Amino acid sequence: VIVTDAPPSAEWVKRFDAEGVRVIY
């Protein structure tokens, strides 16, 4: 999981999806 304070860029969202990383912001 990555917990951050703002929506990541589209490139990072795609990368997180590929790596199976959940994102919370």
PDB file of all heavy atoms in Angstrom:
ATOM      1  N   VAL A   1       0.847  -1.193   0.000  1.00  0.00           N
ATOM      2  CA  VAL A   1       0.000   0.000   0.000  1.00  0.00           C
ATOM      3  C   VAL A   1       0.878   1.237   0.000  1.00  0.00           C
ATOM      4  O   VAL A   1       1.927   1.272   0.652  1.00  0.00           O
ATOM      5  CB  VAL A   1      -0.926   0.042   1.241  1.00  0.00           C
ATOM      6  CG1 VAL A   1      -1.843   1.265   1.196  1.00  0.00           C
ATOM      7  CG2 VAL A   1      -1.744  -1.234   1.360  1.00  0.00           C
ATOM      8  N   ILE A   2       0.455   2.264  -0.718  1.00  0.00           N
ATOM      9  CA  ILE A   2       1.057   3.591  -0.612  1.00  0.00           C
ATOM     10  C   ILE A   2      -0.020   4.560  -0.134  1.00  0.00           C
ATOM     11  O   ILE A   2      -1.107   4.620  -0.717  1.00  0.00           O
ATOM     12  CB  ILE A   2       1.645   4.061  -1.956  1.00  0.00           C
ATOM     13  CG1 ILE A   2       2.935   3.294  -2.237  1.00  0.00           C
ATOM     14  CG2 ILE A   2       1.919   5.564  -1.937  1.00  0.00           C
ATOM     15  CD1 ILE A   2       3.637   3.697  -3.508  1.00  0.00           C
ATOM     16  N   VAL A   3       0.288   5.279   0.928  1.00  0.00           N
ATOM     17  CA  VAL A   3      -0.619   6.295   1.459  1.00  0.00           C
ATOM     18  C   VAL A   3       0.030   7.650   1.199  1.00  0.00           C
ATOM     19  O   VAL A   3       1.156   7.906   1.630  1.00  0.00           O
ATOM     20  CB  VAL A   3      -0.864   6.113   2.967  1.00  0.00           C
ATOM     21  CG1 VAL A   3      -1.936   7.094   3.442  1.00  0.00           C
ATOM     22  CG2 VAL A   3      -1.276   4.676   3.282  1.00  0.00           C
ATOM     23  N   THR A   4      -0.679   8.513   0.477  1.00  0.00           N
ATOM     24  CA  THR A   4      -0.126   9.809   0.121  1.00  0.00           C
ATOM     25  C   THR A   4      -1.182  10.900   0.295  1.00  0.00           C
ATOM     26  O   THR A   4      -2.287  10.632   0.779  1.00  0.00           O
ATOM     27  CB  THR A   4       0.443   9.772  -1.315  1.00  0.00           C
ATOM     28  OG1 THR A   4       1.123  10.984  -1.594  1.00  0.00           O
ATOM     29  CG2 THR A   4      -0.644   9.512  -2.343  1.00  0.00           C
ATOM     30  N   ASP A   5      -0.834  12.135  -0.078  1.00  0.00           N
ATOM     31  CA  ASP A   5      -1.717  13.270   0.201  1.00  0.00           C
ATOM     32  C   ASP A   5      -2.381  13.843  -1.041  1.00  0.00           C
ATOM     33  O   ASP A   5      -3.163  14.795  -0.932  1.00  0.00           O
ATOM     34  CB  ASP A   5      -0.929  14.377   0.921  1.00  0.00           C
ATOM     35  CG  ASP A   5       0.209  14.921   0.070  1.00  0.00           C
ATOM     36  OD1 ASP A   5       0.888  14.111  -0.592  1.00  0.00           O
ATOM     37  OD2 ASP A   5       0.425  16.139   0.069  1.00  0.00           O
ATOM     38  N   ALA A   6      -2.070  13.317  -2.220  1.00  0.00           N
ATOM     39  CA  ALA A   6      -2.645  13.838  -3.452  1.00  0.00           C
ATOM     40  C   ALA A   6      -2.682  12.727  -4.488  1.00  0.00           C
ATOM     41  O   ALA A   6      -1.898  11.780  -4.424  1.00  0.00           O
ATOM     42  CB  ALA A   6      -1.801  15.011  -3.976  1.00  0.00           C
ATOM     43  N   PRO A   7      -3.590  12.825  -5.462  1.00  0.00           N
ATOM     44  CA  PRO A   7      -3.667  11.784  -6.490  1.00  0.00           C
ATOM     45  C   PRO A   7      -2.352  11.684  -7.264  1.00  0.00           C
ATOM     46  O   PRO A   7      -1.836  12.696  -7.743  1.00  0.00           O
ATOM     47  CB  PRO A   7      -4.802  12.270  -7.405  1.00  0.00           C
ATOM     48  CG  PRO A   7      -5.598  13.214  -6.575  1.00  0.00           C
ATOM     49  CD  PRO A   7      -4.625  13.868  -5.656  1.00  0.00           C
ATOM     50  N   PRO A   8      -1.792  10.486  -7.405  1.00  0.00           N
ATOM     51  CA  PRO A   8      -0.574  10.312  -8.219  1.00  0.00           C
ATOM     52  C   PRO A   8      -0.874  10.568  -9.691  1.00  0.00           C
ATOM     53  O   PRO A   8      -2.028  10.570 -10.128  1.00  0.00           O
ATOM     54  CB  PRO A   8      -0.191   8.850  -7.968  1.00  0.00           C
ATOM     55  CG  PRO A   8      -0.952   8.429  -6.758  1.00  0.00           C
ATOM     56  CD  PRO A   8      -2.207   9.238  -6.763  1.00  0.00           C
ATOM     57  N   SER A   9       0.172  10.764 -10.473  1.00  0.00           N
ATOM     58  CA  SER A   9       0.009  10.979 -11.906  1.00  0.00           C
ATOM     59  C   SER A   9      -0.538   9.716 -12.577  1.00  0.00           C
ATOM     60  O   SER A   9      -0.486   8.617 -12.003  1.00  0.00           O
ATOM     61  CB  SER A   9       1.360  11.336 -12.535  1.00  0.00           C
ATOM     62  OG  SER A   9       2.235  10.218 -12.468  1.00  0.00           O
ATOM     63  N   ALA A  10      -1.031   9.877 -13.791  1.00  0.00           N
ATOM     64  CA  ALA A  10      -1.571   8.730 -14.533  1.00  0.00           C
ATOM     65  C   ALA A  10      -0.510   7.657 -14.744  1.00  0.00           C
ATOM     66  O   ALA A  10      -0.811   6.456 -14.708  1.00  0.00           O
ATOM     67  CB  ALA A  10      -2.125   9.211 -15.870  1.00  0.00           C
ATOM     68  N   GLU A  11       0.738   8.091 -14.944  1.00  0.00           N
ATOM     69  CA  GLU A  11       1.823   7.135 -15.134  1.00  0.00           C
ATOM     70  C   GLU A  11       2.045   6.295 -13.887  1.00  0.00           C
ATOM     71  O   GLU A  11       2.251   5.074 -13.959  1.00  0.00           O
ATOM     72  CB  GLU A  11       3.116   7.867 -15.509  1.00  0.00           C
ATOM     73  CG  GLU A  11       3.111   8.515 -16.877  1.00  0.00           C
ATOM     74  CD  GLU A  11       2.363   9.840 -16.911  1.00  0.00           C
ATOM     75  OE1 GLU A  11       1.957  10.338 -15.826  1.00  0.00           O
ATOM     76  OE2 GLU A  11       2.173  10.372 -18.022  1.00  0.00           O
ATOM     77  N   TRP A  12       2.004   6.962 -12.727  1.00  0.00           N
ATOM     78  CA  TRP A  12       2.186   6.226 -11.478  1.00  0.00           C
ATOM     79  C   TRP A  12       0.997   5.312 -11.185  1.00  0.00           C
ATOM     80  O   TRP A  12       1.183   4.196 -10.697  1.00  0.00           O
ATOM     81  CB  TRP A  12       2.409   7.190 -10.321  1.00  0.00           C
ATOM     82  CG  TRP A  12       3.829   7.613 -10.158  1.00  0.00           C
ATOM     83  CD1 TRP A  12       4.365   8.841 -10.376  1.00  0.00           C
ATOM     84  CD2 TRP A  12       4.920   6.780  -9.739  1.00  0.00           C
ATOM     85  NE1 TRP A  12       5.714   8.836 -10.122  1.00  0.00           N
ATOM     86  CE2 TRP A  12       6.088   7.594  -9.727  1.00  0.00           C
ATOM     87  CE3 TRP A  12       5.033   5.445  -9.380  1.00  0.00           C
ATOM     88  CZ2 TRP A  12       7.338   7.096  -9.368  1.00  0.00           C
ATOM     89  CZ3 TRP A  12       6.285   4.948  -9.023  1.00  0.00           C
ATOM     90  CH2 TRP A  12       7.413   5.762  -9.023  1.00  0.00           C
ATOM     91  N   VAL A  13      -0.207   5.759 -11.469  1.00  0.00           N
ATOM     92  CA  VAL A  13      -1.390   4.918 -11.252  1.00  0.00           C
ATOM     93  C   VAL A  13      -1.282   3.643 -12.082  1.00  0.00           C
ATOM     94  O   VAL A  13      -1.558   2.535 -11.595  1.00  0.00           O
ATOM     95  CB  VAL A  13      -2.678   5.693 -11.605  1.00  0.00           C
ATOM     96  CG1 VAL A  13      -3.880   4.740 -11.629  1.00  0.00           C
ATOM     97  CG2 VAL A  13      -2.919   6.811 -10.603  1.00  0.00           C
ATOM     98  N   LYS A  14      -0.859   3.788 -13.319  1.00  0.00           N
ATOM     99  CA  LYS A  14      -0.676   2.620 -14.184  1.00  0.00           C
ATOM    100  C   LYS A  14       0.384   1.687 -13.621  1.00  0.00           C
ATOM    101  O   LYS A  14       0.221   0.454 -13.626  1.00  0.00           O
ATOM    102  CB  LYS A  14      -0.301   3.090 -15.585  1.00  0.00           C
ATOM    103  CG  LYS A  14      -0.169   1.971 -16.607  1.00  0.00           C
ATOM    104  CD  LYS A  14       0.149   2.532 -17.989  1.00  0.00           C
ATOM    105  CE  LYS A  14       0.285   1.403 -19.007  1.00  0.00           C
ATOM    106  NZ  LYS A  14       0.603   1.944 -20.366  1.00  0.00           N
ATOM    107  N   ARG A  15       1.457   2.264 -13.128  1.00  0.00           N
ATOM    108  CA  ARG A  15       2.538   1.456 -12.553  1.00  0.00           C
ATOM    109  C   ARG A  15       2.071   0.726 -11.298  1.00  0.00           C
ATOM    110  O   ARG A  15       2.366  -0.464 -11.103  1.00  0.00           O
ATOM    111  CB  ARG A  15       3.722   2.374 -12.234  1.00  0.00           C
ATOM    112  CG  ARG A  15       4.909   1.664 -11.599  1.00  0.00           C
ATOM    113  CD  ARG A  15       5.613   0.742 -12.593  1.00  0.00           C
ATOM    114  NE  ARG A  15       6.732   0.069 -11.964  1.00  0.00           N
ATOM    115  CZ  ARG A  15       7.951   0.594 -11.808  1.00  0.00           C
ATOM    116  NH1 ARG A  15       8.207   1.813 -12.294  1.00  0.00           N
ATOM    117  NH2 ARG A  15       8.904  -0.094 -11.229  1.00  0.00           N
ATOM    118  N   PHE A  16       1.354   1.421 -10.428  1.00  0.00           N
ATOM    119  CA  PHE A  16       0.852   0.787  -9.207  1.00  0.00           C
ATOM    120  C   PHE A  16      -0.102  -0.348  -9.529  1.00  0.00           C
ATOM    121  O   PHE A  16      -0.065  -1.406  -8.885  1.00  0.00           O
ATOM    122  CB  PHE A  16       0.148   1.821  -8.320  1.00  0.00           C
ATOM    123  CG  PHE A  16       1.068   2.871  -7.756  1.00  0.00           C
ATOM    124  CD1 PHE A  16       0.623   4.173  -7.579  1.00  0.00           C
ATOM    125  CD2 PHE A  16       2.373   2.578  -7.411  1.00  0.00           C
ATOM    126  CE1 PHE A  16       1.460   5.150  -7.065  1.00  0.00           C
ATOM    127  CE2 PHE A  16       3.216   3.542  -6.896  1.00  0.00           C
ATOM    128  CZ  PHE A  16       2.758   4.840  -6.717  1.00  0.00           C
ATOM    129  N   ASP A  17      -0.963  -0.145 -10.527  1.00  0.00           N
ATOM    130  CA  ASP A  17      -1.881  -1.210 -10.940  1.00  0.00           C
ATOM    131  C   ASP A  17      -1.104  -2.434 -11.419  1.00  0.00           C
ATOM    132  O   ASP A  17      -1.453  -3.577 -11.088  1.00  0.00           O
ATOM    133  CB  ASP A  17      -2.800  -0.707 -12.059  1.00  0.00           C
ATOM    134  CG  ASP A  17      -3.865   0.254 -11.560  1.00  0.00           C
ATOM    135  OD1 ASP A  17      -4.095   0.294 -10.326  1.00  0.00           O
ATOM    136  OD2 ASP A  17      -4.456   0.976 -12.380  1.00  0.00           O
ATOM    137  N   ALA A  18      -0.052  -2.193 -12.169  1.00  0.00           N
ATOM    138  CA  ALA A  18       0.741  -3.298 -12.708  1.00  0.00           C
ATOM    139  C   ALA A  18       1.465  -4.063 -11.603  1.00  0.00           C
ATOM    140  O   ALA A  18       1.642  -5.287 -11.692  1.00  0.00           O
ATOM    141  CB  ALA A  18       1.755  -2.759 -13.717  1.00  0.00           C
ATOM    142  N   GLU A  19       1.882  -3.354 -10.560  1.00  0.00           N
ATOM    143  CA  GLU A  19       2.617  -3.983  -9.454  1.00  0.00           C
ATOM    144  C   GLU A  19       1.691  -4.491  -8.347  1.00  0.00           C
ATOM    145  O   GLU A  19       2.155  -5.095  -7.383  1.00  0.00           O
ATOM    146  CB  GLU A  19       3.608  -2.973  -8.856  1.00  0.00           C
ATOM    147  CG  GLU A  19       4.640  -2.436  -9.828  1.00  0.00           C
ATOM    148  CD  GLU A  19       5.701  -3.462 -10.185  1.00  0.00           C
ATOM    149  OE1 GLU A  19       5.659  -4.574  -9.630  1.00  0.00           O
ATOM    150  OE2 GLU A  19       6.571  -3.153 -11.020  1.00  0.00           O
ATOM    151  N   GLY A  20       0.392  -4.230  -8.479  1.00  0.00           N
ATOM    152  CA  GLY A  20      -0.556  -4.674  -7.449  1.00  0.00           C
ATOM    153  C   GLY A  20      -0.466  -3.882  -6.164  1.00  0.00           C
ATOM    154  O   GLY A  20      -0.738  -4.397  -5.076  1.00  0.00           O
ATOM    155  N   VAL A  21      -0.081  -2.603  -6.282  1.00  0.00           N
ATOM    156  CA  VAL A  21       0.049  -1.735  -5.119  1.00  0.00           C
ATOM    157  C   VAL A  21      -1.226  -0.916  -4.945  1.00  0.00           C
ATOM    158  O   VAL A  21      -1.645  -0.212  -5.878  1.00  0.00           O
ATOM    159  CB  VAL A  21       1.258  -0.789  -5.264  1.00  0.00           C
ATOM    160  CG1 VAL A  21       1.360   0.148  -4.055  1.00  0.00           C
ATOM    161  CG2 VAL A  21       2.546  -1.588  -5.412  1.00  0.00           C
ATOM    162  N   ARG A  22      -1.836  -0.998  -3.789  1.00  0.00           N
ATOM    163  CA  ARG A  22      -3.029  -0.202  -3.489  1.00  0.00           C
ATOM    164  C   ARG A  22      -2.611   1.230  -3.128  1.00  0.00           C
ATOM    165  O   ARG A  22      -1.604   1.418  -2.431  1.00  0.00           O
ATOM    166  CB  ARG A  22      -3.784  -0.840  -2.328  1.00  0.00           C
ATOM    167  CG  ARG A  22      -5.016  -0.070  -1.850  1.00  0.00           C
ATOM    168  CD  ARG A  22      -5.587  -0.720  -0.604  1.00  0.00           C
ATOM    169  NE  ARG A  22      -6.654   0.041  -0.027  1.00  0.00           N
ATOM    170  CZ  ARG A  22      -7.135  -0.150   1.212  1.00  0.00           C
ATOM    171  NH1 ARG A  22      -6.629  -1.113   1.970  1.00  0.00           N
ATOM    172  NH2 ARG A  22      -8.126   0.593   1.672  1.00  0.00           N
ATOM    173  N   VAL A  23      -3.364   2.212  -3.588  1.00  0.00           N
ATOM    174  CA  VAL A  23      -3.049   3.613  -3.295  1.00  0.00           C
ATOM    175  C   VAL A  23      -4.189   4.249  -2.518  1.00  0.00           C
ATOM    176  O   VAL A  23      -5.370   4.121  -2.901  1.00  0.00           O
ATOM    177  CB  VAL A  23      -2.799   4.407  -4.590  1.00  0.00           C
ATOM    178  CG1 VAL A  23      -2.436   5.867  -4.257  1.00  0.00           C
ATOM    179  CG2 VAL A  23      -1.714   3.771  -5.415  1.00  0.00           C
ATOM    180  N   ILE A  24      -3.856   4.927  -1.434  1.00  0.00           N
ATOM    181  CA  ILE A  24      -4.830   5.662  -0.617  1.00  0.00           C
ATOM    182  C   ILE A  24      -4.383   7.120  -0.566  1.00  0.00           C
ATOM    183  O   ILE A  24      -3.219   7.403  -0.290  1.00  0.00           O
ATOM    184  CB  ILE A  24      -4.909   5.095   0.811  1.00  0.00           C
ATOM    185  CG1 ILE A  24      -5.349   3.632   0.788  1.00  0.00           C
ATOM    186  CG2 ILE A  24      -5.868   5.921   1.682  1.00  0.00           C
ATOM    187  CD1 ILE A  24      -5.307   2.965   2.151  1.00  0.00           C
ATOM    188  N   TYR A  25      -5.303   8.061  -0.832  1.00  0.00           N
ATOM    189  CA  TYR A  25      -4.969   9.478  -0.728  1.00  0.00           C
ATOM    190  C   TYR A  25      -6.179  10.282  -0.276  1.00  0.00           C
ATOM    191  O   TYR A  25      -7.263   9.761  -0.201  1.00  0.00           O
ATOM    192  CB  TYR A  25      -4.429  10.032  -2.044  1.00  0.00           C
ATOM    193  CG  TYR A  25      -5.321   9.858  -3.242  1.00  0.00           C
ATOM    194  CD1 TYR A  25      -6.322  10.783  -3.519  1.00  0.00           C
ATOM    195  CD2 TYR A  25      -5.183   8.761  -4.095  1.00  0.00           C
ATOM    196  CE1 TYR A  25      -7.133  10.636  -4.619  1.00  0.00           C
ATOM    197  CE2 TYR A  25      -5.995   8.608  -5.197  1.00  0.00           C
ATOM    198  CZ  TYR A  25      -6.976   9.562  -5.447  1.00  0.00           C
ATOM    199  OH  TYR A  25      -7.786   9.406  -6.539  1.00  0.00           O
TER     200      TYR A  25
END
